Amino acid sequence: MVCLKDPLVQKVCDLYEKISGLDSLKPSKDVDMLFTQLVLTCMPPHPIDVTKLCKKIQEMRSNLIRLCGEAEGLLEKHFSTILGSFDNPLDHLDIFPYFSNYLKLSHLEYNILSQHCSDVPSRVAFLGSGPLPLTSIVLASYHMTSTTFDNFDIDPSANSMASRLVESDPDLSKRMVFNTTDVMSVTGAFMDYDVVFLAALVGMDKEEKVGIIEHLAKHMAPGALLMLRSAHGARGFLYPVVDACDLRGFEVLTVFHPTDEVINSVVIARKSPKVLPKHSTDQGFINGSLMISCKCAEIQAFNPLNQMNMIEELAVEDHLS
């Protein structure tokens, strides 16, 4: 099998076998060591396109992403429990080993959002906030200091733990709302948001992710912004990859691929107009939605953080004649 000859793929497969053989994915010396090795293996820029690997490796990758998601959830619950034991949990967020990554990622997302949103939104939705909602907390604390964050998670225990983290803060306790629900059951409420954030692990495989994006395209307000996380290169072994083609009903505005310790790519897209004028004959629009071309031009981008080496992808609209 050709793809197994790639040293990177071989290394990932070896780590997958070890990780899948663990009795538990709860934080421990062995778990931490193996996932650290996996991240360090996948972090360097690599030309690999994980979506085009052979079927056997694709199956391994899907399983590995689910294992990563499970381990990440258990890690967040572990540290949320510890933080919840403090009188003022928000004063101790830096005990979480990846807190600095969240600071960088949230700063990046805010700067990208600012390029396409003239006013700071008064209310946003964050889908898949989890037991340790660091993105919402960081954005609300440092960048969107008057915005209300409606956090959605399907797990009631995760929301309970998350609420505990902000309940002692007089400001965030009012602006951080936690809703226990399946986002696929939310419909009309999405019309109330100018910006919707979609966490990387909401939709663990391509079919699930595309289904959620289609649901958002159906129910978000025309012109509203969707900010979601993807992965590029070998990092696609860790998180689901979202292509421009998957964002039917949205106009892709910007994609950034970090090349440092921030693992996730950031994608921002605008909900296309729901209804087109009857005289419109542009075949680039189908059923009232702008159909995004899968062709993307990669160029060196400006650096929104002045400290991170990024690549920006500008989606090219494919207008048929």
C-alpha atoms as a PDB file:
ATOM      1  CA  MET A   1       0.000   0.000   0.000  1.00  0.00           C
ATOM      2  CA  VAL A   2       1.635   3.201  -1.286  1.00  0.00           C
ATOM      3  CA  CYS A   3       0.493   5.598   1.461  1.00  0.00           C
ATOM      4  CA  LEU A   4       1.908   3.316   4.167  1.00  0.00           C
ATOM      5  CA  LYS A   5       5.380   3.921   2.738  1.00  0.00           C
ATOM      6  CA  ASP A   6       5.227   7.559   3.823  1.00  0.00           C
ATOM      7  CA  PRO A   7       7.273   7.866   7.068  1.00  0.00           C
ATOM      8  CA  LEU A   8       4.738  10.325   8.492  1.00  0.00           C
ATOM      9  CA  VAL A   9       1.827   7.975   7.843  1.00  0.00           C
ATOM     10  CA  GLN A  10       3.792   5.069   9.331  1.00  0.00           C
ATOM     11  CA  LYS A  11       4.507   7.080  12.486  1.00  0.00           C
ATOM     12  CA  VAL A  12       0.860   8.114  12.846  1.00  0.00           C
ATOM     13  CA  CYS A  13      -0.296   4.524  12.338  1.00  0.00           C
ATOM     14  CA  ASP A  14       2.134   3.296  15.007  1.00  0.00           C
ATOM     15  CA  LEU A  15       0.872   5.904  17.472  1.00  0.00           C
ATOM     16  CA  TYR A  16      -2.730   5.060  16.605  1.00  0.00           C
ATOM     17  CA  GLU A  17      -2.133   1.403  17.468  1.00  0.00           C
ATOM     18  CA  LYS A  18      -0.660   2.384  20.836  1.00  0.00           C
ATOM     19  CA  ILE A  19      -3.407   4.908  21.624  1.00  0.00           C
ATOM     20  CA  SER A  20      -6.229   2.574  20.621  1.00  0.00           C
ATOM     21  CA  GLY A  21      -4.734  -0.083  22.899  1.00  0.00           C
ATOM     22  CA  LEU A  22      -4.940   2.087  26.008  1.00  0.00           C
ATOM     23  CA  ASP A  23      -7.366   0.988  28.716  1.00  0.00           C
ATOM     24  CA  SER A  24      -8.474   4.581  29.293  1.00  0.00           C
ATOM     25  CA  LEU A  25      -7.989   7.973  27.656  1.00  0.00           C
ATOM     26  CA  LYS A  26      -8.247   9.859  30.937  1.00  0.00           C
ATOM     27  CA  PRO A  27      -5.197  12.057  31.667  1.00  0.00           C
ATOM     28  CA  SER A  28      -2.264   9.917  32.755  1.00  0.00           C
ATOM     29  CA  LYS A  29       1.455   9.659  32.077  1.00  0.00           C
ATOM     30  CA  ASP A  30       0.982   7.207  29.179  1.00  0.00           C
ATOM     31  CA  VAL A  31      -1.940   9.102  27.652  1.00  0.00           C
ATOM     32  CA  ASP A  32      -0.150  12.439  27.868  1.00  0.00           C
ATOM     33  CA  MET A  33       3.041  10.999  26.375  1.00  0.00           C
ATOM     34  CA  LEU A  34       1.343   9.354  23.389  1.00  0.00           C
ATOM     35  CA  PHE A  35      -0.828  12.323  22.483  1.00  0.00           C
ATOM     36  CA  THR A  36       2.131  14.681  22.858  1.00  0.00           C
ATOM     37  CA  GLN A  37       4.069  12.486  20.425  1.00  0.00           C
ATOM     38  CA  LEU A  38       1.108  12.494  18.039  1.00  0.00           C
ATOM     39  CA  VAL A  39       0.770  16.283  18.108  1.00  0.00           C
ATOM     40  CA  LEU A  40       4.500  16.813  17.638  1.00  0.00           C
ATOM     41  CA  THR A  41       4.428  14.383  14.693  1.00  0.00           C
ATOM     42  CA  CYS A  42       1.550  16.173  12.980  1.00  0.00           C
ATOM     43  CA  MET A  43       2.435  19.775  13.835  1.00  0.00           C
ATOM     44  CA  PRO A  44       5.222  20.580  11.299  1.00  0.00           C
ATOM     45  CA  PRO A  45       4.021  21.824   7.900  1.00  0.00           C
ATOM     46  CA  HIS A  46       3.664  18.886   5.516  1.00  0.00           C
ATOM     47  CA  PRO A  47       2.328  18.730   1.934  1.00  0.00           C
ATOM     48  CA  ILE A  48       0.206  15.646   2.669  1.00  0.00           C
ATOM     49  CA  ASP A  49      -3.509  15.788   1.817  1.00  0.00           C
ATOM     50  CA  VAL A  50      -5.058  13.464   4.376  1.00  0.00           C
ATOM     51  CA  THR A  51      -8.405  13.427   2.569  1.00  0.00           C
ATOM     52  CA  LYS A  52      -6.837  11.651  -0.420  1.00  0.00           C
ATOM     53  CA  LEU A  53      -5.134   8.787   1.385  1.00  0.00           C
ATOM     54  CA  CYS A  54      -6.193   5.178   0.796  1.00  0.00           C
ATOM     55  CA  LYS A  55      -9.356   3.741   2.349  1.00  0.00           C
ATOM     56  CA  LYS A  56      -7.572   1.852   5.121  1.00  0.00           C
ATOM     57  CA  ILE A  57      -5.721   4.966   6.278  1.00  0.00           C
ATOM     58  CA  GLN A  58      -8.905   7.034   6.024  1.00  0.00           C
ATOM     59  CA  GLU A  59     -10.616   4.601   8.381  1.00  0.00           C
ATOM     60  CA  MET A  60      -7.680   4.811  10.770  1.00  0.00           C
ATOM     61  CA  ARG A  61      -7.766   8.619  10.566  1.00  0.00           C
ATOM     62  CA  SER A  62     -11.500   8.751  11.351  1.00  0.00           C
ATOM     63  CA  ASN A  63     -10.977   6.510  14.380  1.00  0.00           C
ATOM     64  CA  LEU A  64      -7.974   8.548  15.501  1.00  0.00           C
ATOM     65  CA  ILE A  65      -9.915  11.832  15.307  1.00  0.00           C
ATOM     66  CA  ARG A  66     -12.601  10.305  17.525  1.00  0.00           C
ATOM     67  CA  LEU A  67      -9.977   9.119  20.009  1.00  0.00           C
ATOM     68  CA  CYS A  68      -8.431  12.594  20.020  1.00  0.00           C
ATOM     69  CA  GLY A  69     -11.850  14.111  20.621  1.00  0.00           C
ATOM     70  CA  GLU A  70     -12.575  11.746  23.493  1.00  0.00           C
ATOM     71  CA  ALA A  71      -9.176  12.390  25.077  1.00  0.00           C
ATOM     72  CA  GLU A  72      -9.583  16.147  24.670  1.00  0.00           C
ATOM     73  CA  GLY A  73     -12.986  16.029  26.337  1.00  0.00           C
ATOM     74  CA  LEU A  74     -11.630  14.025  29.276  1.00  0.00           C
ATOM     75  CA  LEU A  75      -8.682  16.413  29.614  1.00  0.00           C
ATOM     76  CA  GLU A  76     -11.024  19.396  29.696  1.00  0.00           C
ATOM     77  CA  LYS A  77     -13.268  17.745  32.299  1.00  0.00           C
ATOM     78  CA  HIS A  78     -10.229  16.931  34.425  1.00  0.00           C
ATOM     79  CA  PHE A  79      -8.996  20.523  34.485  1.00  0.00           C
ATOM     80  CA  SER A  80     -12.478  22.025  34.724  1.00  0.00           C
ATOM     81  CA  THR A  81     -12.971  19.972  37.898  1.00  0.00           C
ATOM     82  CA  ILE A  82      -9.708  21.275  39.332  1.00  0.00           C
ATOM     83  CA  LEU A  83     -10.503  24.870  38.364  1.00  0.00           C
ATOM     84  CA  GLY A  84     -14.000  24.550  39.796  1.00  0.00           C
ATOM     85  CA  SER A  85     -12.484  23.852  43.220  1.00  0.00           C
ATOM     86  CA  PHE A  86     -11.072  27.396  43.415  1.00  0.00           C
ATOM     87  CA  ASP A  87     -13.084  30.313  44.786  1.00  0.00           C
ATOM     88  CA  ASN A  88     -12.226  32.295  41.650  1.00  0.00           C
ATOM     89  CA  PRO A  89     -11.564  29.774  38.862  1.00  0.00           C
ATOM     90  CA  LEU A  90     -10.837  32.424  36.235  1.00  0.00           C
ATOM     91  CA  ASP A  91      -7.747  33.500  38.182  1.00  0.00           C
ATOM     92  CA  HIS A  92      -6.180  30.078  37.627  1.00  0.00           C
ATOM     93  CA  LEU A  93      -6.877  29.287  33.954  1.00  0.00           C
ATOM     94  CA  ASP A  94      -3.164  29.082  33.247  1.00  0.00           C
ATOM     95  CA  ILE A  95      -2.964  25.724  35.028  1.00  0.00           C
ATOM     96  CA  PHE A  96      -4.475  24.239  31.869  1.00  0.00           C
ATOM     97  CA  PRO A  97      -1.419  23.143  29.844  1.00  0.00           C
ATOM     98  CA  TYR A  98      -2.713  24.522  26.538  1.00  0.00           C
ATOM     99  CA  PHE A  99      -4.095  27.815  27.824  1.00  0.00           C
ATOM    100  CA  SER A 100      -1.503  29.847  25.907  1.00  0.00           C
ATOM    101  CA  ASN A 101      -2.674  28.168  22.682  1.00  0.00           C
ATOM    102  CA  TYR A 102      -6.224  29.304  23.391  1.00  0.00           C
ATOM    103  CA  LEU A 103      -5.004  32.850  23.994  1.00  0.00           C
ATOM    104  CA  LYS A 104      -3.302  32.847  20.584  1.00  0.00           C
ATOM    105  CA  LEU A 105      -6.162  31.123  18.775  1.00  0.00           C
ATOM    106  CA  SER A 106      -8.811  33.428  20.266  1.00  0.00           C
ATOM    107  CA  HIS A 107      -6.700  36.477  19.402  1.00  0.00           C
ATOM    108  CA  LEU A 108      -6.347  35.168  15.866  1.00  0.00           C
ATOM    109  CA  GLU A 109     -10.080  34.506  15.517  1.00  0.00           C
ATOM    110  CA  TYR A 110     -10.974  37.943  16.848  1.00  0.00           C
ATOM    111  CA  ASN A 111      -8.597  39.659  14.426  1.00  0.00           C
ATOM    112  CA  ILE A 112      -9.981  37.697  11.488  1.00  0.00           C
ATOM    113  CA  LEU A 113     -13.534  38.443  12.615  1.00  0.00           C
ATOM    114  CA  SER A 114     -12.698  42.143  12.824  1.00  0.00           C
ATOM    115  CA  GLN A 115     -11.702  42.134   9.161  1.00  0.00           C
ATOM    116  CA  HIS A 116     -15.249  41.197   8.168  1.00  0.00           C
ATOM    117  CA  CYS A 117     -17.414  42.624  10.958  1.00  0.00           C
ATOM    118  CA  SER A 118     -17.548  46.407  11.315  1.00  0.00           C
ATOM    119  CA  ASP A 119     -19.174  46.361  14.760  1.00  0.00           C
ATOM    120  CA  VAL A 120     -18.530  44.102  17.717  1.00  0.00           C
ATOM    121  CA  PRO A 121     -21.614  41.828  17.850  1.00  0.00           C
ATOM    122  CA  SER A 122     -23.826  42.178  20.906  1.00  0.00           C
ATOM    123  CA  ARG A 123     -24.612  38.455  21.007  1.00  0.00           C
ATOM    124  CA  VAL A 124     -22.889  35.408  19.512  1.00  0.00           C
ATOM    125  CA  ALA A 125     -23.455  31.654  19.594  1.00  0.00           C
ATOM    126  CA  PHE A 126     -20.696  29.178  20.364  1.00  0.00           C
ATOM    127  CA  LEU A 127     -21.558  25.602  19.396  1.00  0.00           C
ATOM    128  CA  GLY A 128     -19.727  22.860  21.266  1.00  0.00           C
ATOM    129  CA  SER A 129     -18.434  24.885  24.220  1.00  0.00           C
ATOM    130  CA  GLY A 130     -17.656  21.871  26.426  1.00  0.00           C
ATOM    131  CA  PRO A 131     -16.741  21.722  30.133  1.00  0.00           C
ATOM    132  CA  LEU A 132     -13.846  24.165  29.712  1.00  0.00           C
ATOM    133  CA  PRO A 133     -15.123  26.929  27.376  1.00  0.00           C
ATOM    134  CA  LEU A 134     -11.816  28.733  27.060  1.00  0.00           C
ATOM    135  CA  THR A 135     -12.503  30.338  23.674  1.00  0.00           C
ATOM    136  CA  SER A 136     -15.696  31.969  24.933  1.00  0.00           C
ATOM    137  CA  ILE A 137     -14.033  32.997  28.193  1.00  0.00           C
ATOM    138  CA  VAL A 138     -10.976  34.516  26.484  1.00  0.00           C
ATOM    139  CA  LEU A 139     -13.009  36.326  23.820  1.00  0.00           C
ATOM    140  CA  ALA A 140     -15.466  37.642  26.416  1.00  0.00           C
ATOM    141  CA  SER A 141     -12.716  38.706  28.809  1.00  0.00           C
ATOM    142  CA  TYR A 142     -10.223  40.331  26.429  1.00  0.00           C
ATOM    143  CA  HIS A 143     -11.716  41.020  23.005  1.00  0.00           C
ATOM    144  CA  MET A 144     -15.533  41.185  23.072  1.00  0.00           C
ATOM    145  CA  THR A 145     -16.026  42.700  26.495  1.00  0.00           C
ATOM    146  CA  SER A 146     -19.671  43.670  26.097  1.00  0.00           C
ATOM    147  CA  THR A 147     -20.837  40.681  24.046  1.00  0.00           C
ATOM    148  CA  THR A 148     -23.169  38.004  25.398  1.00  0.00           C
ATOM    149  CA  PHE A 149     -22.034  34.446  24.600  1.00  0.00           C
ATOM    150  CA  ASP A 150     -24.741  31.817  24.167  1.00  0.00           C
ATOM    151  CA  ASN A 151     -22.832  28.554  24.584  1.00  0.00           C
ATOM    152  CA  PHE A 152     -24.418  25.330  23.325  1.00  0.00           C
ATOM    153  CA  ASP A 153     -23.400  21.818  24.315  1.00  0.00           C
ATOM    154  CA  ILE A 154     -25.292  18.531  24.214  1.00  0.00           C
ATOM    155  CA  ASP A 155     -23.770  17.348  27.519  1.00  0.00           C
ATOM    156  CA  PRO A 156     -25.537  18.696  30.636  1.00  0.00           C
ATOM    157  CA  SER A 157     -22.578  17.829  32.879  1.00  0.00           C
ATOM    158  CA  ALA A 158     -20.260  19.832  30.619  1.00  0.00           C
ATOM    159  CA  ASN A 159     -22.510  22.867  30.894  1.00  0.00           C
ATOM    160  CA  SER A 160     -22.745  22.481  34.660  1.00  0.00           C
ATOM    161  CA  MET A 161     -18.958  22.403  34.962  1.00  0.00           C
ATOM    162  CA  ALA A 162     -18.571  25.352  32.599  1.00  0.00           C
ATOM    163  CA  SER A 163     -21.111  27.427  34.531  1.00  0.00           C
ATOM    164  CA  ARG A 164     -19.153  26.825  37.721  1.00  0.00           C
ATOM    165  CA  LEU A 165     -16.102  28.491  36.193  1.00  0.00           C
ATOM    166  CA  VAL A 166     -17.808  31.841  35.611  1.00  0.00           C
ATOM    167  CA  GLU A 167     -20.425  32.000  38.362  1.00  0.00           C
ATOM    168  CA  SER A 168     -18.126  33.893  40.757  1.00  0.00           C
ATOM    169  CA  ASP A 169     -17.330  36.578  38.180  1.00  0.00           C
ATOM    170  CA  PRO A 170     -19.912  39.407  38.320  1.00  0.00           C
ATOM    171  CA  ASP A 171     -19.443  40.273  34.647  1.00  0.00           C
ATOM    172  CA  LEU A 172     -19.028  36.925  32.866  1.00  0.00           C
ATOM    173  CA  SER A 173     -21.724  35.249  34.944  1.00  0.00           C
ATOM    174  CA  LYS A 174     -24.183  37.599  33.224  1.00  0.00           C
ATOM    175  CA  ARG A 175     -22.733  37.388  29.715  1.00  0.00           C
ATOM    176  CA  MET A 176     -21.994  33.648  29.514  1.00  0.00           C
ATOM    177  CA  VAL A 177     -25.154  31.590  28.976  1.00  0.00           C
ATOM    178  CA  PHE A 178     -25.056  27.791  28.767  1.00  0.00           C
ATOM    179  CA  ASN A 179     -27.690  25.856  26.821  1.00  0.00           C
ATOM    180  CA  THR A 180     -27.979  22.069  26.932  1.00  0.00           C
ATOM    181  CA  THR A 181     -29.226  21.025  23.509  1.00  0.00           C
ATOM    182  CA  ASP A 182     -28.315  19.286  20.271  1.00  0.00           C
ATOM    183  CA  VAL A 183     -27.460  22.056  17.797  1.00  0.00           C
ATOM    184  CA  MET A 184     -29.339  20.121  15.100  1.00  0.00           C
ATOM    185  CA  SER A 185     -32.544  20.807  17.033  1.00  0.00           C
ATOM    186  CA  VAL A 186     -31.928  24.566  17.107  1.00  0.00           C
ATOM    187  CA  THR A 187     -33.643  26.356  14.246  1.00  0.00           C
ATOM    188  CA  GLY A 188     -35.192  29.823  14.518  1.00  0.00           C
ATOM    189  CA  ALA A 189     -32.889  30.884  17.345  1.00  0.00           C
ATOM    190  CA  PHE A 190     -29.930  31.017  14.944  1.00  0.00           C
ATOM    191  CA  MET A 191     -31.557  33.983  13.203  1.00  0.00           C
ATOM    192  CA  ASP A 192     -30.727  36.075  16.291  1.00  0.00           C
ATOM    193  CA  TYR A 193     -26.956  35.855  15.852  1.00  0.00           C
ATOM    194  CA  ASP A 194     -24.692  37.898  13.623  1.00  0.00           C
ATOM    195  CA  VAL A 195     -21.829  35.484  14.387  1.00  0.00           C
ATOM    196  CA  VAL A 196     -21.861  31.739  15.078  1.00  0.00           C
ATOM    197  CA  PHE A 197     -18.724  29.884  16.221  1.00  0.00           C
ATOM    198  CA  LEU A 198     -18.508  26.157  15.470  1.00  0.00           C
ATOM    199  CA  ALA A 199     -16.037  24.157  17.567  1.00  0.00           C
ATOM    200  CA  ALA A 200     -13.622  21.793  15.805  1.00  0.00           C
ATOM    201  CA  LEU A 201     -15.055  18.630  17.366  1.00  0.00           C
ATOM    202  CA  VAL A 202     -18.719  19.336  16.634  1.00  0.00           C
ATOM    203  CA  GLY A 203     -19.168  16.882  13.791  1.00  0.00           C
ATOM    204  CA  MET A 204     -16.423  14.294  14.135  1.00  0.00           C
ATOM    205  CA  ASP A 205     -16.398  13.110  10.534  1.00  0.00           C
ATOM    206  CA  LYS A 206     -17.079  14.633   7.131  1.00  0.00           C
ATOM    207  CA  GLU A 207     -20.713  13.541   6.935  1.00  0.00           C
ATOM    208  CA  GLU A 208     -21.572  14.848  10.412  1.00  0.00           C
ATOM    209  CA  LYS A 209     -19.722  18.129   9.852  1.00  0.00           C
ATOM    210  CA  VAL A 210     -21.346  18.773   6.482  1.00  0.00           C
ATOM    211  CA  GLY A 211     -24.767  17.984   7.962  1.00  0.00           C
ATOM    212  CA  ILE A 212     -24.266  20.567  10.700  1.00  0.00           C
ATOM    213  CA  ILE A 213     -23.027  23.169   8.215  1.00  0.00           C
ATOM    214  CA  GLU A 214     -26.067  22.550   6.002  1.00  0.00           C
ATOM    215  CA  HIS A 215     -28.308  22.961   9.057  1.00  0.00           C
ATOM    216  CA  LEU A 216     -26.648  26.286   9.864  1.00  0.00           C
ATOM    217  CA  ALA A 217     -26.938  27.414   6.232  1.00  0.00           C
ATOM    218  CA  LYS A 218     -30.666  26.741   6.431  1.00  0.00           C
ATOM    219  CA  HIS A 219     -31.300  28.542   9.723  1.00  0.00           C
ATOM    220  CA  MET A 220     -28.699  31.307  10.149  1.00  0.00           C
ATOM    221  CA  ALA A 221     -29.611  34.859   9.178  1.00  0.00           C
ATOM    222  CA  PRO A 222     -28.592  35.993   5.672  1.00  0.00           C
ATOM    223  CA  GLY A 223     -25.299  37.868   5.922  1.00  0.00           C
ATOM    224  CA  ALA A 224     -24.400  36.355   9.315  1.00  0.00           C
ATOM    225  CA  LEU A 225     -20.858  35.092   9.824  1.00  0.00           C
ATOM    226  CA  LEU A 226     -19.852  31.507  10.552  1.00  0.00           C
ATOM    227  CA  MET A 227     -16.453  31.005  12.152  1.00  0.00           C
ATOM    228  CA  LEU A 228     -15.263  27.429  12.305  1.00  0.00           C
ATOM    229  CA  ARG A 229     -12.076  25.460  12.817  1.00  0.00           C
ATOM    230  CA  SER A 230     -10.458  23.070  10.401  1.00  0.00           C
ATOM    231  CA  ALA A 231      -7.064  21.434   9.958  1.00  0.00           C
ATOM    232  CA  HIS A 232      -4.393  21.518   7.287  1.00  0.00           C
ATOM    233  CA  GLY A 233      -1.719  19.052   6.198  1.00  0.00           C
ATOM    234  CA  ALA A 234      -0.817  16.380   8.739  1.00  0.00           C
ATOM    235  CA  ARG A 235      -2.908  18.190  11.350  1.00  0.00           C
ATOM    236  CA  GLY A 236      -5.855  16.590   9.587  1.00  0.00           C
ATOM    237  CA  PHE A 237      -5.007  13.420  11.505  1.00  0.00           C
ATOM    238  CA  LEU A 238      -6.033  15.277  14.676  1.00  0.00           C
ATOM    239  CA  TYR A 239      -9.136  17.222  13.621  1.00  0.00           C
ATOM    240  CA  PRO A 240     -11.736  17.084  10.852  1.00  0.00           C
ATOM    241  CA  VAL A 241     -10.863  18.964   7.657  1.00  0.00           C
ATOM    242  CA  VAL A 242     -13.413  21.444   6.319  1.00  0.00           C
ATOM    243  CA  ASP A 243     -13.045  22.316   2.638  1.00  0.00           C
ATOM    244  CA  ALA A 244     -14.601  25.285   0.861  1.00  0.00           C
ATOM    245  CA  CYS A 245     -16.766  22.753  -0.991  1.00  0.00           C
ATOM    246  CA  ASP A 246     -18.338  21.746   2.337  1.00  0.00           C
ATOM    247  CA  LEU A 247     -19.649  25.260   2.978  1.00  0.00           C
ATOM    248  CA  ARG A 248     -22.646  25.155   0.687  1.00  0.00           C
ATOM    249  CA  GLY A 249     -24.812  28.207   1.262  1.00  0.00           C
ATOM    250  CA  PHE A 250     -21.864  30.269   2.517  1.00  0.00           C
ATOM    251  CA  GLU A 251     -19.343  32.564   0.886  1.00  0.00           C
ATOM    252  CA  VAL A 252     -15.881  31.659   2.174  1.00  0.00           C
ATOM    253  CA  LEU A 253     -14.121  34.884   3.145  1.00  0.00           C
ATOM    254  CA  THR A 254     -10.827  33.812   4.687  1.00  0.00           C
ATOM    255  CA  VAL A 255      -8.936  30.671   5.709  1.00  0.00           C
ATOM    256  CA  PHE A 256      -5.805  30.805   7.875  1.00  0.00           C
ATOM    257  CA  HIS A 257      -3.453  27.899   8.453  1.00  0.00           C
ATOM    258  CA  PRO A 258      -1.183  28.432  11.487  1.00  0.00           C
ATOM    259  CA  THR A 259       2.225  26.826  11.308  1.00  0.00           C
ATOM    260  CA  ASP A 260       3.123  27.086  14.994  1.00  0.00           C
ATOM    261  CA  GLU A 261       1.725  25.314  18.051  1.00  0.00           C
ATOM    262  CA  VAL A 262      -1.820  26.517  17.316  1.00  0.00           C
ATOM    263  CA  ILE A 263      -3.144  23.383  15.632  1.00  0.00           C
ATOM    264  CA  ASN A 264      -6.470  24.467  14.153  1.00  0.00           C
ATOM    265  CA  SER A 265      -6.967  26.368  10.942  1.00  0.00           C
ATOM    266  CA  VAL A 266      -9.541  29.147  11.114  1.00  0.00           C
ATOM    267  CA  VAL A 267     -12.276  29.570   8.512  1.00  0.00           C
ATOM    268  CA  ILE A 268     -14.727  32.451   8.294  1.00  0.00           C
ATOM    269  CA  ALA A 269     -17.679  32.428   5.901  1.00  0.00           C
ATOM    270  CA  ARG A 270     -20.729  34.592   5.304  1.00  0.00           C
ATOM    271  CA  LYS A 271     -24.243  33.187   4.984  1.00  0.00           C
ATOM    272  CA  SER A 272     -25.393  33.803   1.453  1.00  0.00           C
ATOM    273  CA  PRO A 273     -28.598  35.671   0.613  1.00  0.00           C
ATOM    274  CA  LYS A 274     -31.610  33.457   1.140  1.00  0.00           C
ATOM    275  CA  VAL A 275     -33.613  34.730  -1.800  1.00  0.00           C
ATOM    276  CA  LEU A 276     -32.252  35.985  -5.102  1.00  0.00           C
ATOM    277  CA  PRO A 277     -33.961  38.483  -7.395  1.00  0.00           C
ATOM    278  CA  LYS A 278     -36.082  36.665  -9.935  1.00  0.00           C
ATOM    279  CA  HIS A 279     -34.199  38.271 -12.819  1.00  0.00           C
ATOM    280  CA  SER A 280     -30.881  36.846 -11.631  1.00  0.00           C
ATOM    281  CA  THR A 281     -29.423  34.385 -14.137  1.00  0.00           C
ATOM    282  CA  ASP A 282     -26.101  33.748 -12.383  1.00  0.00           C
ATOM    283  CA  GLN A 283     -25.672  29.993 -12.428  1.00  0.00           C
ATOM    284  CA  GLY A 284     -23.161  30.313  -9.583  1.00  0.00           C
ATOM    285  CA  PHE A 285     -26.253  30.496  -7.404  1.00  0.00           C
ATOM    286  CA  ILE A 286     -28.369  27.389  -6.900  1.00  0.00           C
ATOM    287  CA  ASN A 287     -31.594  27.441  -4.872  1.00  0.00           C
ATOM    288  CA  GLY A 288     -30.711  30.842  -3.480  1.00  0.00           C
ATOM    289  CA  SER A 289     -27.308  29.808  -2.110  1.00  0.00           C
ATOM    290  CA  LEU A 290     -23.894  30.822  -3.353  1.00  0.00           C
ATOM    291  CA  MET A 291     -22.098  27.667  -4.369  1.00  0.00           C
ATOM    292  CA  ILE A 292     -18.458  27.920  -3.359  1.00  0.00           C
ATOM    293  CA  SER A 293     -15.827  26.671  -5.771  1.00  0.00           C
ATOM    294  CA  CYS A 294     -13.410  24.051  -4.493  1.00  0.00           C
ATOM    295  CA  LYS A 295     -10.534  25.886  -6.125  1.00  0.00           C
ATOM    296  CA  CYS A 296      -8.531  27.952  -3.657  1.00  0.00           C
ATOM    297  CA  ALA A 297      -5.506  30.123  -4.297  1.00  0.00           C
ATOM    298  CA  GLU A 298      -2.934  30.028  -1.503  1.00  0.00           C
ATOM    299  CA  ILE A 299      -0.902  33.195  -0.947  1.00  0.00           C
ATOM    300  CA  GLN A 300       1.267  34.492   1.839  1.00  0.00           C
ATOM    301  CA  ALA A 301      -1.027  36.466   4.101  1.00  0.00           C
ATOM    302  CA  PHE A 302      -0.682  39.432   6.380  1.00  0.00           C
ATOM    303  CA  ASN A 303       0.024  38.327   9.932  1.00  0.00           C
ATOM    304  CA  PRO A 304      -2.962  39.154  12.179  1.00  0.00           C
ATOM    305  CA  LEU A 305      -1.030  38.439  15.366  1.00  0.00           C
ATOM    306  CA  ASN A 306       2.310  39.896  14.238  1.00  0.00           C
ATOM    307  CA  GLN A 307       3.829  36.714  15.632  1.00  0.00           C
ATOM    308  CA  MET A 308       2.412  33.779  13.697  1.00  0.00           C
ATOM    309  CA  ASN A 309       3.395  32.519  10.271  1.00  0.00           C
ATOM    310  CA  MET A 310       0.162  32.030   8.379  1.00  0.00           C
ATOM    311  CA  ILE A 311      -1.088  31.115   4.947  1.00  0.00           C
ATOM    312  CA  GLU A 312      -4.307  32.716   3.753  1.00  0.00           C
ATOM    313  CA  GLU A 313      -6.567  30.992   1.284  1.00  0.00           C
ATOM    314  CA  LEU A 314      -8.872  33.143  -0.755  1.00  0.00           C
ATOM    315  CA  ALA A 315     -11.793  31.208  -2.148  1.00  0.00           C
ATOM    316  CA  VAL A 316     -12.294  31.694  -5.863  1.00  0.00           C
ATOM    317  CA  GLU A 317     -15.917  31.817  -6.918  1.00  0.00           C
ATOM    318  CA  ASP A 318     -16.633  29.612  -9.911  1.00  0.00           C
ATOM    319  CA  HIS A 319     -19.131  31.495 -12.068  1.00  0.00           C
ATOM    320  CA  LEU A 320     -20.332  29.316 -14.907  1.00  0.00           C
ATOM    321  CA  SER A 321     -21.003  30.930 -18.186  1.00  0.00           C
END
